[in-house]
N, C-alpha and C. Protein backbone atom coordinates (compact mmCIF):
# COMPACT_ATOMS: atom_id res chain seq x y z
N UNK A 1 0.84 -1.17 0.00
CA UNK A 1 0.00 0.00 0.00
C UNK A 1 0.88 1.24 0.00
N UNK A 2 0.44 2.25 -0.67
CA UNK A 2 1.19 3.49 -0.78
C UNK A 2 0.62 4.53 0.19
N UNK A 3 1.50 5.30 0.81
CA UNK A 3 1.08 6.36 1.73
C UNK A 3 2.14 7.47 1.69
N UNK A 4 1.80 8.64 2.23
CA UNK A 4 2.71 9.78 2.22
C UNK A 4 3.66 9.70 3.41
N UNK A 5 4.95 9.81 3.13
CA UNK A 5 5.96 9.84 4.18
C UNK A 5 6.32 11.29 4.45
N UNK A 6 6.15 11.74 5.69
CA UNK A 6 6.42 13.14 6.02
C UNK A 6 7.91 13.43 6.08
N UNK A 7 8.73 12.42 6.31
CA UNK A 7 10.18 12.63 6.35
C UNK A 7 10.76 12.71 4.93
N UNK A 8 10.34 11.81 4.05
CA UNK A 8 10.80 11.80 2.66
C UNK A 8 10.09 12.86 1.81
N UNK A 9 8.90 13.28 2.28
CA UNK A 9 8.04 14.22 1.56
C UNK A 9 7.62 13.69 0.19
N UNK A 10 7.34 12.40 0.14
CA UNK A 10 6.89 11.74 -1.09
C UNK A 10 5.98 10.58 -0.71
N UNK A 11 5.21 10.13 -1.71
CA UNK A 11 4.44 8.91 -1.51
C UNK A 11 5.39 7.74 -1.64
N UNK A 12 5.35 6.86 -0.66
CA UNK A 12 6.23 5.69 -0.63
C UNK A 12 5.40 4.45 -0.32
N UNK A 13 5.97 3.30 -0.64
CA UNK A 13 5.31 2.05 -0.29
C UNK A 13 5.47 1.81 1.21
N UNK A 14 4.43 1.25 1.80
CA UNK A 14 4.39 0.99 3.23
C UNK A 14 4.75 -0.47 3.48
N UNK A 15 5.70 -0.71 4.38
CA UNK A 15 6.01 -2.09 4.76
C UNK A 15 5.45 -2.36 6.15
N UNK A 16 5.26 -3.62 6.46
CA UNK A 16 4.67 -4.04 7.73
C UNK A 16 3.31 -3.39 7.96
N UNK A 17 2.52 -3.29 6.90
CA UNK A 17 1.21 -2.64 7.00
C UNK A 17 0.26 -3.48 7.86
N UNK A 18 -0.42 -2.81 8.78
CA UNK A 18 -1.38 -3.47 9.67
C UNK A 18 -2.70 -2.71 9.62
N UNK A 19 -3.79 -3.44 9.53
CA UNK A 19 -5.12 -2.84 9.58
C UNK A 19 -5.44 -2.50 11.03
N UNK A 20 -5.87 -1.27 11.27
CA UNK A 20 -6.28 -0.83 12.60
C UNK A 20 -7.65 -0.16 12.49
N UNK A 21 -8.30 0.02 13.62
CA UNK A 21 -9.59 0.70 13.67
C UNK A 21 -9.46 1.92 14.57
N UNK A 22 -9.90 3.06 14.09
CA UNK A 22 -9.86 4.29 14.87
C UNK A 22 -10.94 4.26 15.95
N UNK A 23 -10.87 5.19 16.90
CA UNK A 23 -11.85 5.24 17.98
C UNK A 23 -13.27 5.41 17.47
N UNK A 24 -13.42 6.12 16.34
CA UNK A 24 -14.76 6.34 15.80
C UNK A 24 -15.23 5.20 14.90
N UNK A 25 -14.44 4.13 14.79
CA UNK A 25 -14.85 2.95 14.04
C UNK A 25 -14.37 2.91 12.59
N UNK A 26 -13.73 3.97 12.11
CA UNK A 26 -13.24 3.99 10.73
C UNK A 26 -11.99 3.13 10.60
N UNK A 27 -11.83 2.46 9.47
CA UNK A 27 -10.63 1.64 9.26
C UNK A 27 -9.44 2.50 8.87
N UNK A 28 -8.24 2.03 9.19
CA UNK A 28 -7.01 2.74 8.83
C UNK A 28 -5.90 1.71 8.68
N UNK A 29 -4.77 2.15 8.11
CA UNK A 29 -3.62 1.28 7.93
C UNK A 29 -2.40 1.97 8.52
N UNK A 30 -1.61 1.21 9.27
CA UNK A 30 -0.41 1.73 9.90
C UNK A 30 0.77 0.89 9.44
N UNK A 31 1.91 1.54 9.18
CA UNK A 31 3.10 0.81 8.74
C UNK A 31 4.34 1.67 8.81
N UNK A 32 5.38 1.30 8.05
CA UNK A 32 6.65 2.01 8.04
C UNK A 32 7.06 2.31 6.61
N UNK A 33 7.79 3.40 6.43
CA UNK A 33 8.33 3.76 5.11
C UNK A 33 9.42 2.75 4.75
N UNK A 34 9.41 2.26 3.50
CA UNK A 34 10.43 1.31 3.06
C UNK A 34 11.82 1.94 3.02
N UNK A 35 11.89 3.24 2.76
CA UNK A 35 13.18 3.91 2.56
C UNK A 35 13.81 4.34 3.88
N UNK A 36 13.06 5.12 4.69
CA UNK A 36 13.66 5.71 5.90
C UNK A 36 13.21 5.06 7.20
N UNK A 37 12.15 4.26 7.18
CA UNK A 37 11.69 3.58 8.38
C UNK A 37 10.75 4.38 9.26
N UNK A 38 10.36 5.59 8.82
CA UNK A 38 9.45 6.43 9.58
C UNK A 38 8.06 5.79 9.62
N UNK A 39 7.35 5.95 10.73
CA UNK A 39 5.99 5.42 10.83
C UNK A 39 5.08 6.17 9.88
N UNK A 40 4.19 5.42 9.22
CA UNK A 40 3.24 6.00 8.27
C UNK A 40 1.84 5.60 8.69
N UNK A 41 0.87 6.40 8.30
CA UNK A 41 -0.52 6.16 8.67
C UNK A 41 -1.41 6.60 7.53
N UNK A 42 -2.39 5.78 7.19
CA UNK A 42 -3.33 6.14 6.13
C UNK A 42 -4.74 5.77 6.56
N UNK A 43 -5.64 6.74 6.53
CA UNK A 43 -7.02 6.50 6.90
C UNK A 43 -7.74 5.86 5.73
N UNK A 44 -8.55 4.86 6.01
CA UNK A 44 -9.28 4.12 4.98
C UNK A 44 -8.75 2.70 4.90
N UNK A 45 -9.60 1.80 4.50
CA UNK A 45 -9.18 0.40 4.43
C UNK A 45 -8.30 0.16 3.22
N UNK A 46 -7.49 -0.86 3.26
CA UNK A 46 -6.60 -1.22 2.16
C UNK A 46 -7.43 -1.60 0.93
N UNK A 47 -8.56 -2.24 1.14
CA UNK A 47 -9.43 -2.63 0.03
C UNK A 47 -10.01 -1.45 -0.71
N UNK A 48 -10.41 -0.41 0.02
CA UNK A 48 -10.99 0.77 -0.63
C UNK A 48 -9.92 1.56 -1.36
N UNK A 49 -8.70 1.56 -0.86
CA UNK A 49 -7.61 2.28 -1.52
C UNK A 49 -7.23 1.58 -2.83
N UNK A 50 -7.23 0.25 -2.82
CA UNK A 50 -6.90 -0.50 -4.02
C UNK A 50 -7.97 -0.32 -5.10
N UNK A 51 -9.23 -0.32 -4.70
CA UNK A 51 -10.30 -0.16 -5.67
C UNK A 51 -10.33 1.27 -6.22
N UNK A 52 -9.99 2.26 -5.40
CA UNK A 52 -9.94 3.65 -5.88
C UNK A 52 -8.80 3.85 -6.86
N UNK A 53 -7.67 3.17 -6.63
CA UNK A 53 -6.53 3.30 -7.53
C UNK A 53 -6.82 2.66 -8.89
N UNK A 54 -7.56 1.55 -8.88
CA UNK A 54 -7.84 0.87 -10.14
C UNK A 54 -8.88 1.61 -10.97
N UNK A 55 -9.79 2.33 -10.31
CA UNK A 55 -10.82 3.08 -11.05
C UNK A 55 -10.36 4.46 -11.44
N UNK A 56 -9.34 5.00 -10.72
CA UNK A 56 -8.91 6.36 -10.82
C UNK A 56 -8.31 6.81 -12.04
């Protein structure tokens, strides 16, 4: 899954991605930047992000 890395200031692939649920019940994905190892976070489920990328 791809997410924005604030340290690299670019969209990077996320490694060790884990599905999490926010307090309000929304799905999110948490992981690390492949390049620098900074923690990354993306709101929305991995399935919805993949379907949006394919239709986009």
